């Protein structure tokens, strides 16, 4: 298909290779990916505000070469602003036009920090629940509810989403003045250590892969200042076009099996159009983290 010129929010964009199949298993084309990001933009864009994403691009589809891109490409349109992230300039994506431009680059995955550009503090704690060999997302569900019970006792609200891959992500909003990343990482580690102490045969915080079979790995290191986590509603580079999809705790509890916790792009877009952003509270809720240093 020839390149197509479109106008989005007053900005002219040239969309190319729209019929290229990016996900061979589902036949999902580049046009489908662009349309998906258009549909979820109202929910996704607030989570990108102030958080220039690290891009994972797959211009030849999920079976081809992929590469990370942190710096905003030099060929960006002049209306795409940049913002400083650590020691580089990332793309400041604050509009539908910017999101469509990224999708046209085959920037399939979008990963963000737990802090905004220019802020010395984090505005959330993130916990990545990753199933080891012999486990699946239902084991991650068990871990998520165990951690939620602890957080309830600490009067902390937490949000949950699928990773879009094999596991689940929990986030504990802080917002307001935020918290140093050393503190958020300590809280995540302490929660993971609590779980592995109480259930040593089912959970681990040990990063060694030989410790993971039969256990859920509670990855607390995602709170390092230099690390990123896939953004809510972002697609993943997998065999099929799954997305990191926010959930309610009730639907997580009611999930009948792993397949019911795997959402492809059409299902996730329909959820956004029906329910809006289930993670909107993650951006607004102000909470104070307890001092959990040394606790297990």
C-alpha atoms as a PDB file:
ATOM      1  CA  UNK A   1       0.000   0.000   0.000  1.00  0.00           C
ATOM      2  CA  UNK A   2       1.266   3.460  -0.868  1.00  0.00           C
ATOM      3  CA  UNK A   3       1.937   5.956   1.884  1.00  0.00           C
ATOM      4  CA  UNK A   4      -1.172   7.728   3.149  1.00  0.00           C
ATOM      5  CA  UNK A   5      -1.238  11.308   4.336  1.00  0.00           C
ATOM      6  CA  UNK A   6      -3.578  12.068   7.210  1.00  0.00           C
ATOM      7  CA  UNK A   7      -4.218  15.076   9.411  1.00  0.00           C
ATOM      8  CA  UNK A   8      -4.426  14.383  13.146  1.00  0.00           C
ATOM      9  CA  UNK A   9      -5.154  17.288  15.480  1.00  0.00           C
ATOM     10  CA  UNK A  10      -3.977  19.693  12.830  1.00  0.00           C
ATOM     11  CA  UNK A  11      -0.696  17.860  12.196  1.00  0.00           C
ATOM     12  CA  UNK A  12      -0.035  16.203   8.840  1.00  0.00           C
ATOM     13  CA  UNK A  13       1.398  12.696   9.122  1.00  0.00           C
ATOM     14  CA  UNK A  14       2.542  10.307   6.414  1.00  0.00           C
ATOM     15  CA  UNK A  15       1.607   6.739   7.338  1.00  0.00           C
ATOM     16  CA  UNK A  16       3.539   4.058   5.499  1.00  0.00           C
ATOM     17  CA  UNK A  17       3.375   0.290   4.958  1.00  0.00           C
ATOM     18  CA  UNK A  18      -0.084   0.115   6.492  1.00  0.00           C
ATOM     19  CA  UNK A  19      -0.740  -3.370   5.117  1.00  0.00           C
ATOM     20  CA  UNK A  20       2.483  -4.835   6.551  1.00  0.00           C
ATOM     21  CA  UNK A  21       1.649  -7.731   8.868  1.00  0.00           C
ATOM     22  CA  UNK A  22       3.288  -7.141  12.234  1.00  0.00           C
ATOM     23  CA  UNK A  23       1.732 -10.124  14.029  1.00  0.00           C
ATOM     24  CA  UNK A  24       1.675 -13.067  11.583  1.00  0.00           C
ATOM     25  CA  UNK A  25      -0.175 -15.385  13.984  1.00  0.00           C
ATOM     26  CA  UNK A  26      -3.206 -13.077  14.056  1.00  0.00           C
ATOM     27  CA  UNK A  27      -2.732 -11.263  10.759  1.00  0.00           C
ATOM     28  CA  UNK A  28      -2.567  -7.958  12.631  1.00  0.00           C
ATOM     29  CA  UNK A  29      -1.255  -5.222  10.372  1.00  0.00           C
ATOM     30  CA  UNK A  30       0.498  -1.955  11.031  1.00  0.00           C
ATOM     31  CA  UNK A  31      -2.790  -0.208  10.252  1.00  0.00           C
ATOM     32  CA  UNK A  32      -4.437  -2.280  13.018  1.00  0.00           C
ATOM     33  CA  UNK A  33      -1.735  -1.275  15.503  1.00  0.00           C
ATOM     34  CA  UNK A  34      -2.090   2.411  14.628  1.00  0.00           C
ATOM     35  CA  UNK A  35      -5.871   2.175  14.957  1.00  0.00           C
ATOM     36  CA  UNK A  36      -5.512   0.428  18.328  1.00  0.00           C
ATOM     37  CA  UNK A  37      -3.370   3.203  19.736  1.00  0.00           C
ATOM     38  CA  UNK A  38      -5.859   5.737  18.362  1.00  0.00           C
ATOM     39  CA  UNK A  39      -8.699   4.012  20.206  1.00  0.00           C
ATOM     40  CA  UNK A  40      -6.934   3.714  23.568  1.00  0.00           C
ATOM     41  CA  UNK A  41      -5.331   7.178  23.421  1.00  0.00           C
ATOM     42  CA  UNK A  42      -7.783   8.796  25.899  1.00  0.00           C
ATOM     43  CA  UNK A  43      -6.766   6.263  28.551  1.00  0.00           C
ATOM     44  CA  UNK A  44      -3.096   5.887  27.646  1.00  0.00           C
ATOM     45  CA  UNK A  45      -1.996   9.492  27.138  1.00  0.00           C
ATOM     46  CA  UNK A  46      -2.396  10.569  30.805  1.00  0.00           C
ATOM     47  CA  UNK A  47       0.014   7.768  31.750  1.00  0.00           C
ATOM     48  CA  UNK A  48       2.585   9.112  29.274  1.00  0.00           C
ATOM     49  CA  UNK A  49       2.336  12.726  30.457  1.00  0.00           C
ATOM     50  CA  UNK A  50       5.748  13.773  31.741  1.00  0.00           C
ATOM     51  CA  UNK A  51       7.085  10.260  31.087  1.00  0.00           C
ATOM     52  CA  UNK A  52       8.867  10.068  27.721  1.00  0.00           C
ATOM     53  CA  UNK A  53       8.587   6.378  26.882  1.00  0.00           C
ATOM     54  CA  UNK A  54      11.330   3.972  26.012  1.00  0.00           C
ATOM     55  CA  UNK A  55      10.259   2.523  22.691  1.00  0.00           C
ATOM     56  CA  UNK A  56      10.576  -1.076  21.590  1.00  0.00           C
ATOM     57  CA  UNK A  57      10.327  -1.023  17.816  1.00  0.00           C
ATOM     58  CA  UNK A  58       9.713  -3.964  15.513  1.00  0.00           C
ATOM     59  CA  UNK A  59       9.557  -2.511  11.990  1.00  0.00           C
ATOM     60  CA  UNK A  60       9.519  -5.979  10.412  1.00  0.00           C
ATOM     61  CA  UNK A  61       6.991  -7.412  12.818  1.00  0.00           C
ATOM     62  CA  UNK A  62       7.235  -9.465  15.975  1.00  0.00           C
ATOM     63  CA  UNK A  63       9.169 -12.227  14.225  1.00  0.00           C
ATOM     64  CA  UNK A  64      11.808  -9.787  12.980  1.00  0.00           C
ATOM     65  CA  UNK A  65      14.505  -7.751  14.640  1.00  0.00           C
ATOM     66  CA  UNK A  66      13.449  -5.513  17.496  1.00  0.00           C
ATOM     67  CA  UNK A  67      15.341  -2.734  19.193  1.00  0.00           C
ATOM     68  CA  UNK A  68      15.040  -0.344  22.115  1.00  0.00           C
ATOM     69  CA  UNK A  69      15.064   3.381  21.476  1.00  0.00           C
ATOM     70  CA  UNK A  70      15.326   5.772  24.401  1.00  0.00           C
ATOM     71  CA  UNK A  71      16.391   8.949  22.638  1.00  0.00           C
ATOM     72  CA  UNK A  72      13.762  10.703  20.580  1.00  0.00           C
ATOM     73  CA  UNK A  73      14.593  10.063  16.906  1.00  0.00           C
ATOM     74  CA  UNK A  74      16.254  13.037  15.200  1.00  0.00           C
ATOM     75  CA  UNK A  75      13.779  12.785  12.308  1.00  0.00           C
ATOM     76  CA  UNK A  76      10.830  13.586  14.562  1.00  0.00           C
ATOM     77  CA  UNK A  77       8.366  16.268  13.463  1.00  0.00           C
ATOM     78  CA  UNK A  78       9.101  19.724  14.826  1.00  0.00           C
ATOM     79  CA  UNK A  79       5.887  19.613  16.859  1.00  0.00           C
ATOM     80  CA  UNK A  80       7.102  16.618  18.896  1.00  0.00           C
ATOM     81  CA  UNK A  81       8.767  18.082  21.977  1.00  0.00           C
ATOM     82  CA  UNK A  82      11.463  16.349  24.012  1.00  0.00           C
ATOM     83  CA  UNK A  83      12.072  16.092  27.741  1.00  0.00           C
ATOM     84  CA  UNK A  84      15.162  15.125  29.691  1.00  0.00           C
ATOM     85  CA  UNK A  85      15.174  11.572  31.032  1.00  0.00           C
ATOM     86  CA  UNK A  86      18.292  10.789  33.052  1.00  0.00           C
ATOM     87  CA  UNK A  87      21.010  11.837  30.575  1.00  0.00           C
ATOM     88  CA  UNK A  88      19.076  11.819  27.280  1.00  0.00           C
ATOM     89  CA  UNK A  89      16.157  13.543  25.552  1.00  0.00           C
ATOM     90  CA  UNK A  90      13.085  11.378  25.191  1.00  0.00           C
ATOM     91  CA  UNK A  91       9.947  11.980  23.149  1.00  0.00           C
ATOM     92  CA  UNK A  92       7.311  13.937  25.050  1.00  0.00           C
ATOM     93  CA  UNK A  93       4.119  12.237  23.863  1.00  0.00           C
ATOM     94  CA  UNK A  94       1.163  14.320  24.992  1.00  0.00           C
ATOM     95  CA  UNK A  95      -1.230  14.099  22.057  1.00  0.00           C
ATOM     96  CA  UNK A  96      -3.071  11.672  19.822  1.00  0.00           C
ATOM     97  CA  UNK A  97      -0.964  12.905  16.909  1.00  0.00           C
ATOM     98  CA  UNK A  98       2.219  12.026  18.796  1.00  0.00           C
ATOM     99  CA  UNK A  99       0.892   8.573  19.617  1.00  0.00           C
ATOM    100  CA  UNK A 100      -0.058   7.913  15.989  1.00  0.00           C
ATOM    101  CA  UNK A 101       3.416   9.074  14.924  1.00  0.00           C
ATOM    102  CA  UNK A 102       4.997   6.539  17.324  1.00  0.00           C
ATOM    103  CA  UNK A 103       2.748   3.732  16.093  1.00  0.00           C
ATOM    104  CA  UNK A 104       3.748   4.530  12.526  1.00  0.00           C
ATOM    105  CA  UNK A 105       7.361   3.909  13.586  1.00  0.00           C
ATOM    106  CA  UNK A 106       6.246   0.404  14.634  1.00  0.00           C
ATOM    107  CA  UNK A 107       6.989   1.422  18.211  1.00  0.00           C
ATOM    108  CA  UNK A 108       4.894  -1.448  19.497  1.00  0.00           C
ATOM    109  CA  UNK A 109       5.901  -1.415  23.165  1.00  0.00           C
ATOM    110  CA  UNK A 110       6.012   1.730  25.317  1.00  0.00           C
ATOM    111  CA  UNK A 111       7.807   1.578  28.672  1.00  0.00           C
ATOM    112  CA  UNK A 112       7.777   4.340  31.290  1.00  0.00           C
ATOM    113  CA  UNK A 113       9.508   5.268  34.539  1.00  0.00           C
ATOM    114  CA  UNK A 114       7.739   5.596  37.867  1.00  0.00           C
ATOM    115  CA  UNK A 115       8.606   9.289  37.925  1.00  0.00           C
ATOM    116  CA  UNK A 116       8.017  12.311  35.728  1.00  0.00           C
ATOM    117  CA  UNK A 117      10.684  14.177  33.840  1.00  0.00           C
ATOM    118  CA  UNK A 118      12.308  16.759  36.078  1.00  0.00           C
ATOM    119  CA  UNK A 119      11.027  15.214  39.305  1.00  0.00           C
ATOM    120  CA  UNK A 120      13.540  13.879  41.850  1.00  0.00           C
ATOM    121  CA  UNK A 121      10.920  11.566  43.386  1.00  0.00           C
ATOM    122  CA  UNK A 122       8.783   8.614  42.299  1.00  0.00           C
ATOM    123  CA  UNK A 123       4.994   8.802  42.261  1.00  0.00           C
ATOM    124  CA  UNK A 124       4.340   5.058  42.569  1.00  0.00           C
ATOM    125  CA  UNK A 125       5.748   1.719  43.676  1.00  0.00           C
ATOM    126  CA  UNK A 126       5.602  -1.018  41.051  1.00  0.00           C
ATOM    127  CA  UNK A 127       5.761  -4.762  41.704  1.00  0.00           C
ATOM    128  CA  UNK A 128       6.175  -7.134  38.772  1.00  0.00           C
ATOM    129  CA  UNK A 129       4.807 -10.613  39.491  1.00  0.00           C
ATOM    130  CA  UNK A 130       6.488 -12.990  37.063  1.00  0.00           C
ATOM    131  CA  UNK A 131       5.585 -16.709  36.993  1.00  0.00           C
ATOM    132  CA  UNK A 132       8.536 -19.065  37.021  1.00  0.00           C
ATOM    133  CA  UNK A 133       8.557 -22.368  35.118  1.00  0.00           C
ATOM    134  CA  UNK A 134       5.650 -24.514  36.241  1.00  0.00           C
ATOM    135  CA  UNK A 135       3.595 -21.464  37.248  1.00  0.00           C
ATOM    136  CA  UNK A 136       1.161 -19.267  35.367  1.00  0.00           C
ATOM    137  CA  UNK A 137      -0.761 -16.040  35.777  1.00  0.00           C
ATOM    138  CA  UNK A 138      -3.142 -17.670  38.276  1.00  0.00           C
ATOM    139  CA  UNK A 139      -0.185 -18.163  40.612  1.00  0.00           C
ATOM    140  CA  UNK A 140       0.536 -14.464  40.118  1.00  0.00           C
ATOM    141  CA  UNK A 141      -3.096 -13.798  41.022  1.00  0.00           C
ATOM    142  CA  UNK A 142      -2.589 -15.645  44.286  1.00  0.00           C
ATOM    143  CA  UNK A 143       0.481 -13.525  45.035  1.00  0.00           C
ATOM    144  CA  UNK A 144      -1.357 -10.326  44.093  1.00  0.00           C
ATOM    145  CA  UNK A 145      -4.160 -10.995  46.558  1.00  0.00           C
ATOM    146  CA  UNK A 146      -1.720 -11.925  49.324  1.00  0.00           C
ATOM    147  CA  UNK A 147       0.090  -8.617  48.798  1.00  0.00           C
ATOM    148  CA  UNK A 148      -3.154  -6.707  48.547  1.00  0.00           C
ATOM    149  CA  UNK A 149      -4.177  -8.043  51.960  1.00  0.00           C
ATOM    150  CA  UNK A 150      -0.966  -6.665  53.457  1.00  0.00           C
ATOM    151  CA  UNK A 151      -1.448  -3.326  51.716  1.00  0.00           C
ATOM    152  CA  UNK A 152      -5.036  -3.138  52.956  1.00  0.00           C
ATOM    153  CA  UNK A 153      -3.748  -3.488  56.512  1.00  0.00           C
ATOM    154  CA  UNK A 154      -1.367  -0.621  55.793  1.00  0.00           C
ATOM    155  CA  UNK A 155      -4.307   1.431  54.427  1.00  0.00           C
ATOM    156  CA  UNK A 156      -2.695   1.549  50.983  1.00  0.00           C
ATOM    157  CA  UNK A 157      -4.699   1.237  47.790  1.00  0.00           C
ATOM    158  CA  UNK A 158      -3.112  -0.707  44.955  1.00  0.00           C
ATOM    159  CA  UNK A 159      -3.991  -1.165  41.291  1.00  0.00           C
ATOM    160  CA  UNK A 160      -3.460  -4.238  39.124  1.00  0.00           C
ATOM    161  CA  UNK A 161      -2.988  -4.892  35.408  1.00  0.00           C
ATOM    162  CA  UNK A 162      -1.850  -7.718  33.226  1.00  0.00           C
ATOM    163  CA  UNK A 163       1.723  -7.403  32.042  1.00  0.00           C
ATOM    164  CA  UNK A 164       0.556  -8.265  28.542  1.00  0.00           C
ATOM    165  CA  UNK A 165       2.971 -11.170  28.752  1.00  0.00           C
ATOM    166  CA  UNK A 166       2.875 -13.884  31.424  1.00  0.00           C
ATOM    167  CA  UNK A 167       2.350 -12.073  34.717  1.00  0.00           C
ATOM    168  CA  UNK A 168       0.740  -9.208  36.580  1.00  0.00           C
ATOM    169  CA  UNK A 169       1.819  -5.727  37.628  1.00  0.00           C
ATOM    170  CA  UNK A 170       0.804  -4.071  40.884  1.00  0.00           C
ATOM    171  CA  UNK A 171       1.237  -0.362  41.460  1.00  0.00           C
ATOM    172  CA  UNK A 172       0.902   1.564  44.712  1.00  0.00           C
ATOM    173  CA  UNK A 173       0.296   5.244  43.951  1.00  0.00           C
ATOM    174  CA  UNK A 174       2.153   7.855  45.970  1.00  0.00           C
ATOM    175  CA  UNK A 175       1.749  11.066  43.941  1.00  0.00           C
ATOM    176  CA  UNK A 176       1.768  14.376  45.832  1.00  0.00           C
ATOM    177  CA  UNK A 177       5.364  15.143  46.842  1.00  0.00           C
ATOM    178  CA  UNK A 178       6.302  11.586  45.873  1.00  0.00           C
ATOM    179  CA  UNK A 179       8.937   9.368  47.475  1.00  0.00           C
ATOM    180  CA  UNK A 180      12.651   8.764  46.811  1.00  0.00           C
ATOM    181  CA  UNK A 181      13.216   5.766  44.562  1.00  0.00           C
ATOM    182  CA  UNK A 182      15.320   4.177  47.330  1.00  0.00           C
ATOM    183  CA  UNK A 183      12.192   4.207  49.493  1.00  0.00           C
ATOM    184  CA  UNK A 184       9.889   2.786  46.815  1.00  0.00           C
ATOM    185  CA  UNK A 185      12.380   0.020  46.090  1.00  0.00           C
ATOM    186  CA  UNK A 186      12.689  -0.782  49.800  1.00  0.00           C
ATOM    187  CA  UNK A 187       8.910  -1.040  50.125  1.00  0.00           C
ATOM    188  CA  UNK A 188       8.660  -3.342  47.090  1.00  0.00           C
ATOM    189  CA  UNK A 189      11.471  -5.557  48.403  1.00  0.00           C
ATOM    190  CA  UNK A 190       9.962  -5.743  51.884  1.00  0.00           C
ATOM    191  CA  UNK A 191       6.613  -6.824  50.460  1.00  0.00           C
ATOM    192  CA  UNK A 192       8.306  -9.471  48.352  1.00  0.00           C
ATOM    193  CA  UNK A 193      10.348 -10.708  51.302  1.00  0.00           C
ATOM    194  CA  UNK A 194       7.195 -10.972  53.391  1.00  0.00           C
ATOM    195  CA  UNK A 195       5.655 -13.191  50.730  1.00  0.00           C
ATOM    196  CA  UNK A 196       8.707 -15.435  50.291  1.00  0.00           C
ATOM    197  CA  UNK A 197       9.139 -15.790  54.072  1.00  0.00           C
ATOM    198  CA  UNK A 198       5.509 -16.798  54.555  1.00  0.00           C
ATOM    199  CA  UNK A 199       5.380 -18.985  51.427  1.00  0.00           C
ATOM    200  CA  UNK A 200       8.956 -20.046  50.619  1.00  0.00           C
ATOM    201  CA  UNK A 201       7.787 -22.736  48.210  1.00  0.00           C
ATOM    202  CA  UNK A 202       5.599 -20.363  46.204  1.00  0.00           C
ATOM    203  CA  UNK A 203       7.387 -17.003  46.020  1.00  0.00           C
ATOM    204  CA  UNK A 204      10.906 -15.609  45.704  1.00  0.00           C
ATOM    205  CA  UNK A 205      12.663 -12.258  45.439  1.00  0.00           C
ATOM    206  CA  UNK A 206      15.862 -13.962  44.310  1.00  0.00           C
ATOM    207  CA  UNK A 207      16.803 -12.860  40.807  1.00  0.00           C
ATOM    208  CA  UNK A 208      18.696 -16.097  40.077  1.00  0.00           C
ATOM    209  CA  UNK A 209      16.689 -17.999  37.486  1.00  0.00           C
ATOM    210  CA  UNK A 210      17.417 -21.350  39.106  1.00  0.00           C
ATOM    211  CA  UNK A 211      15.378 -20.165  42.116  1.00  0.00           C
ATOM    212  CA  UNK A 212      12.246 -19.483  40.088  1.00  0.00           C
ATOM    213  CA  UNK A 213      10.832 -22.893  39.048  1.00  0.00           C
ATOM    214  CA  UNK A 214       7.512 -23.445  40.818  1.00  0.00           C
ATOM    215  CA  UNK A 215       7.575 -19.935  42.294  1.00  0.00           C
ATOM    216  CA  UNK A 216       6.343 -16.455  41.502  1.00  0.00           C
ATOM    217  CA  UNK A 217       9.259 -14.051  41.181  1.00  0.00           C
ATOM    218  CA  UNK A 218       8.420 -10.788  42.961  1.00  0.00           C
ATOM    219  CA  UNK A 219      10.505  -8.323  40.971  1.00  0.00           C
ATOM    220  CA  UNK A 220      11.117  -5.318  43.189  1.00  0.00           C
ATOM    221  CA  UNK A 221      14.019  -3.966  41.119  1.00  0.00           C
ATOM    222  CA  UNK A 222      11.652  -2.260  38.679  1.00  0.00           C
ATOM    223  CA  UNK A 223      11.734   0.689  41.084  1.00  0.00           C
ATOM    224  CA  UNK A 224      15.344   1.570  40.229  1.00  0.00           C
ATOM    225  CA  UNK A 225      15.421   5.088  38.822  1.00  0.00           C
ATOM    226  CA  UNK A 226      16.846   3.922  35.495  1.00  0.00           C
ATOM    227  CA  UNK A 227      14.329   1.088  34.970  1.00  0.00           C
ATOM    228  CA  UNK A 228      11.033   1.196  33.128  1.00  0.00           C
ATOM    229  CA  UNK A 229       7.861  -0.889  33.105  1.00  0.00           C
ATOM    230  CA  UNK A 230       5.474  -1.380  30.199  1.00  0.00           C
ATOM    231  CA  UNK A 231       2.811   1.308  30.255  1.00  0.00           C
ATOM    232  CA  UNK A 232      -0.852   0.452  30.788  1.00  0.00           C
ATOM    233  CA  UNK A 233      -2.587  -0.223  27.469  1.00  0.00           C
ATOM    234  CA  UNK A 234       0.720  -0.673  25.607  1.00  0.00           C
ATOM    235  CA  UNK A 235       0.986  -3.622  23.245  1.00  0.00           C
ATOM    236  CA  UNK A 236       3.596  -6.338  23.684  1.00  0.00           C
ATOM    237  CA  UNK A 237       5.904  -7.973  21.177  1.00  0.00           C
ATOM    238  CA  UNK A 238       4.647 -11.527  21.458  1.00  0.00           C
ATOM    239  CA  UNK A 239       3.176 -14.079  19.088  1.00  0.00           C
ATOM    240  CA  UNK A 240      -0.240 -12.430  19.374  1.00  0.00           C
ATOM    241  CA  UNK A 241      -1.085  -8.726  19.891  1.00  0.00           C
ATOM    242  CA  UNK A 242      -1.667  -8.754  23.642  1.00  0.00           C
ATOM    243  CA  UNK A 243      -1.785  -5.540  25.668  1.00  0.00           C
ATOM    244  CA  UNK A 244      -0.917  -4.659  29.251  1.00  0.00           C
ATOM    245  CA  UNK A 245      -4.489  -4.300  30.437  1.00  0.00           C
ATOM    246  CA  UNK A 246      -5.777  -2.731  33.680  1.00  0.00           C
ATOM    247  CA  UNK A 247      -8.148  -4.915  35.681  1.00  0.00           C
ATOM    248  CA  UNK A 248     -10.552  -4.543  38.540  1.00  0.00           C
ATOM    249  CA  UNK A 249      -9.811  -6.716  41.542  1.00  0.00           C
ATOM    250  CA  UNK A 250     -13.216  -8.367  41.174  1.00  0.00           C
ATOM    251  CA  UNK A 251     -12.560  -9.517  37.621  1.00  0.00           C
ATOM    252  CA  UNK A 252      -9.119 -10.762  38.640  1.00  0.00           C
ATOM    253  CA  UNK A 253     -10.783 -12.818  41.388  1.00  0.00           C
ATOM    254  CA  UNK A 254     -13.403 -14.142  38.958  1.00  0.00           C
ATOM    255  CA  UNK A 255     -10.945 -15.114  36.201  1.00  0.00           C
ATOM    256  CA  UNK A 256     -11.636 -18.693  35.177  1.00  0.00           C
ATOM    257  CA  UNK A 257      -8.189 -19.468  33.785  1.00  0.00           C
ATOM    258  CA  UNK A 258      -5.063 -17.970  32.235  1.00  0.00           C
ATOM    259  CA  UNK A 259      -6.798 -17.318  28.920  1.00  0.00           C
ATOM    260  CA  UNK A 260      -9.365 -15.078  30.623  1.00  0.00           C
ATOM    261  CA  UNK A 261      -6.512 -12.815  31.755  1.00  0.00           C
ATOM    262  CA  UNK A 262      -5.036 -12.367  28.297  1.00  0.00           C
ATOM    263  CA  UNK A 263      -6.389  -9.439  26.317  1.00  0.00           C
ATOM    264  CA  UNK A 264      -5.590  -8.774  22.673  1.00  0.00           C
ATOM    265  CA  UNK A 265      -5.780  -5.330  21.125  1.00  0.00           C
ATOM    266  CA  UNK A 266      -9.438  -5.401  20.089  1.00  0.00           C
ATOM    267  CA  UNK A 267     -10.622  -6.538  23.513  1.00  0.00           C
ATOM    268  CA  UNK A 268      -8.518  -3.948  25.320  1.00  0.00           C
ATOM    269  CA  UNK A 269      -9.722  -1.143  23.037  1.00  0.00           C
ATOM    270  CA  UNK A 270     -13.336  -2.190  23.637  1.00  0.00           C
ATOM    271  CA  UNK A 271     -12.724  -2.189  27.399  1.00  0.00           C
ATOM    272  CA  UNK A 272     -11.427   1.384  27.218  1.00  0.00           C
ATOM    273  CA  UNK A 273     -14.407   2.487  25.153  1.00  0.00           C
ATOM    274  CA  UNK A 274     -16.800   0.832  27.623  1.00  0.00           C
ATOM    275  CA  UNK A 275     -15.158   1.536  30.982  1.00  0.00           C
ATOM    276  CA  UNK A 276     -12.673   4.342  30.398  1.00  0.00           C
ATOM    277  CA  UNK A 277      -9.355   4.173  32.236  1.00  0.00           C
ATOM    278  CA  UNK A 278      -9.526   1.702  35.124  1.00  0.00           C
ATOM    279  CA  UNK A 279      -6.151   3.049  36.240  1.00  0.00           C
ATOM    280  CA  UNK A 280      -7.140   6.730  36.404  1.00  0.00           C
ATOM    281  CA  UNK A 281      -6.844   6.629  40.193  1.00  0.00           C
ATOM    282  CA  UNK A 282      -3.186   5.649  39.928  1.00  0.00           C
ATOM    283  CA  UNK A 283      -2.471   9.183  38.682  1.00  0.00           C
ATOM    284  CA  UNK A 284      -4.522  11.043  41.302  1.00  0.00           C
ATOM    285  CA  UNK A 285      -4.393   9.137  44.582  1.00  0.00           C
ATOM    286  CA  UNK A 286      -1.992  10.610  47.152  1.00  0.00           C
ATOM    287  CA  UNK A 287      -0.672   8.126  49.724  1.00  0.00           C
ATOM    288  CA  UNK A 288       2.243   8.059  52.130  1.00  0.00           C
ATOM    289  CA  UNK A 289       4.469   5.000  52.139  1.00  0.00           C
ATOM    290  CA  UNK A 290       5.337   3.387  55.482  1.00  0.00           C
ATOM    291  CA  UNK A 291       8.925   2.733  56.540  1.00  0.00           C
ATOM    292  CA  UNK A 292       9.338  -0.969  55.877  1.00  0.00           C
ATOM    293  CA  UNK A 293      13.152  -1.067  55.927  1.00  0.00           C
ATOM    294  CA  UNK A 294      14.340  -4.286  57.519  1.00  0.00           C
ATOM    295  CA  UNK A 295      10.839  -5.689  57.938  1.00  0.00           C
ATOM    296  CA  UNK A 296      10.031  -9.191  56.769  1.00  0.00           C
END
